[in-house]
Amino acid sequence: MYIKKLLIGICCTILLIVSPFLVTASPSPSPFSEGLDKTAGETGHIGDNSSSIWTLDNLPGAIGKMIGGVLSLLGVVFLILTIYGGFTWMLARGN
């Protein structure tokens, strides 16, 4: 029973974390983001928009983003498990 509730909670948390990345905010860039893109291009922080993250030239960056995503997900899982462990400890009544 508790495992079922825990799994439902984890699935809802993952859905809340992942869903903003699945939605496109606006199809056209805003003037604010155009200014940021121009400034980043002039300073050399971004190149042309045709380069993909999955090219061999950018493989370390892609691996870094994947590792960062996995570590973020693990952090959420450990937070949920810590809260769950705290509740079970408090409700154990010394047993």
Protein backbone atom coordinates (compact mmCIF):
# COMPACT_ATOMS: atom_id res chain seq x y z
CA MET A 1 0.00 0.00 0.00
CA TYR A 2 2.76 2.44 0.95
CA ILE A 3 4.86 1.44 -2.06
CA LYS A 4 1.94 2.17 -4.37
CA LYS A 5 1.50 5.65 -2.89
CA LEU A 6 5.24 6.25 -3.11
CA LEU A 7 5.35 5.26 -6.77
CA ILE A 8 2.37 7.46 -7.57
CA GLY A 9 4.09 10.37 -5.79
CA ILE A 10 7.33 9.80 -7.68
CA CYS A 11 5.48 9.63 -11.02
CA CYS A 12 3.61 12.86 -10.27
CA THR A 13 6.84 14.58 -9.25
CA ILE A 14 8.61 13.46 -12.40
CA LEU A 15 5.64 14.65 -14.47
CA LEU A 16 5.78 18.07 -12.81
CA ILE A 17 9.52 18.32 -13.43
CA VAL A 18 9.53 17.08 -17.02
CA SER A 19 6.36 18.75 -18.34
CA PRO A 20 7.77 22.31 -18.58
CA PHE A 21 10.50 21.04 -20.89
CA LEU A 22 7.95 19.41 -23.19
CA VAL A 23 5.98 22.60 -23.77
CA THR A 24 7.21 25.31 -26.11
CA ALA A 25 6.61 28.70 -24.54
CA SER A 26 6.22 30.71 -27.75
CA PRO A 27 6.85 29.92 -31.40
CA SER A 28 8.47 33.28 -32.13
CA PRO A 29 11.38 34.70 -30.12
CA SER A 30 10.65 37.71 -27.97
CA PRO A 31 12.63 40.96 -28.29
CA PHE A 32 14.24 40.18 -24.93
CA SER A 33 15.60 36.80 -26.10
CA GLU A 34 16.72 38.30 -29.41
CA GLY A 35 18.86 40.80 -27.51
CA LEU A 36 20.32 38.04 -25.35
CA ASP A 37 21.09 35.92 -28.42
CA LYS A 38 22.78 38.86 -30.13
CA THR A 39 24.91 39.61 -27.08
CA ALA A 40 25.85 35.94 -26.63
CA GLY A 41 26.78 35.68 -30.30
CA GLU A 42 28.99 38.76 -30.15
CA THR A 43 30.82 37.53 -27.08
CA GLY A 44 31.38 34.10 -28.62
CA HIS A 45 29.24 32.12 -26.21
CA ILE A 46 26.99 30.71 -28.92
CA GLY A 47 27.60 30.06 -32.56
CA ASP A 48 25.09 29.48 -35.30
CA ASN A 49 21.81 27.85 -34.36
CA SER A 50 22.28 25.04 -36.87
CA SER A 51 24.72 23.15 -34.64
CA SER A 52 23.09 20.40 -32.67
CA ILE A 53 24.00 19.19 -29.23
CA TRP A 54 24.34 15.65 -30.58
CA THR A 55 27.25 16.31 -32.97
CA LEU A 56 30.65 14.72 -32.35
CA ASP A 57 32.16 18.17 -31.82
CA ASN A 58 29.86 18.76 -28.88
CA LEU A 59 29.88 15.25 -27.42
CA PRO A 60 31.35 16.25 -24.02
CA GLY A 61 28.62 18.89 -23.66
CA ALA A 62 25.91 16.36 -24.51
CA ILE A 63 27.30 13.85 -22.02
CA GLY A 64 27.49 16.59 -19.39
CA LYS A 65 23.86 17.54 -19.95
CA MET A 66 22.78 13.89 -19.69
CA ILE A 67 24.74 13.40 -16.46
CA GLY A 68 23.28 16.63 -15.07
CA GLY A 69 19.75 15.46 -15.89
CA VAL A 70 20.31 12.06 -14.26
CA LEU A 71 21.80 13.66 -11.14
CA SER A 72 18.87 16.08 -10.91
CA LEU A 73 16.42 13.19 -11.14
CA LEU A 74 18.36 11.26 -8.48
CA GLY A 75 18.29 14.30 -6.23
CA VAL A 76 14.50 14.44 -6.47
CA VAL A 77 14.23 10.69 -5.78
CA PHE A 78 16.47 10.97 -2.71
CA LEU A 79 14.49 13.94 -1.43
CA ILE A 80 11.25 11.97 -1.75
CA LEU A 81 12.81 8.95 -0.04
CA THR A 82 14.12 11.13 2.78
CA ILE A 83 10.69 12.63 3.38
CA TYR A 84 9.10 9.18 3.21
CA GLY A 85 11.68 7.79 5.67
CA GLY A 86 11.03 10.69 8.03
CA PHE A 87 7.31 10.04 8.01
CA THR A 88 7.75 6.31 8.62
CA TRP A 89 10.18 7.00 11.47
CA MET A 90 7.82 9.49 13.09
CA LEU A 91 4.83 7.16 12.71
CA ALA A 92 6.69 4.07 14.00
CA ARG A 93 6.00 5.07 17.62
CA GLY A 94 9.27 3.60 18.87
CA ASN A 95 8.90 0.20 17.17
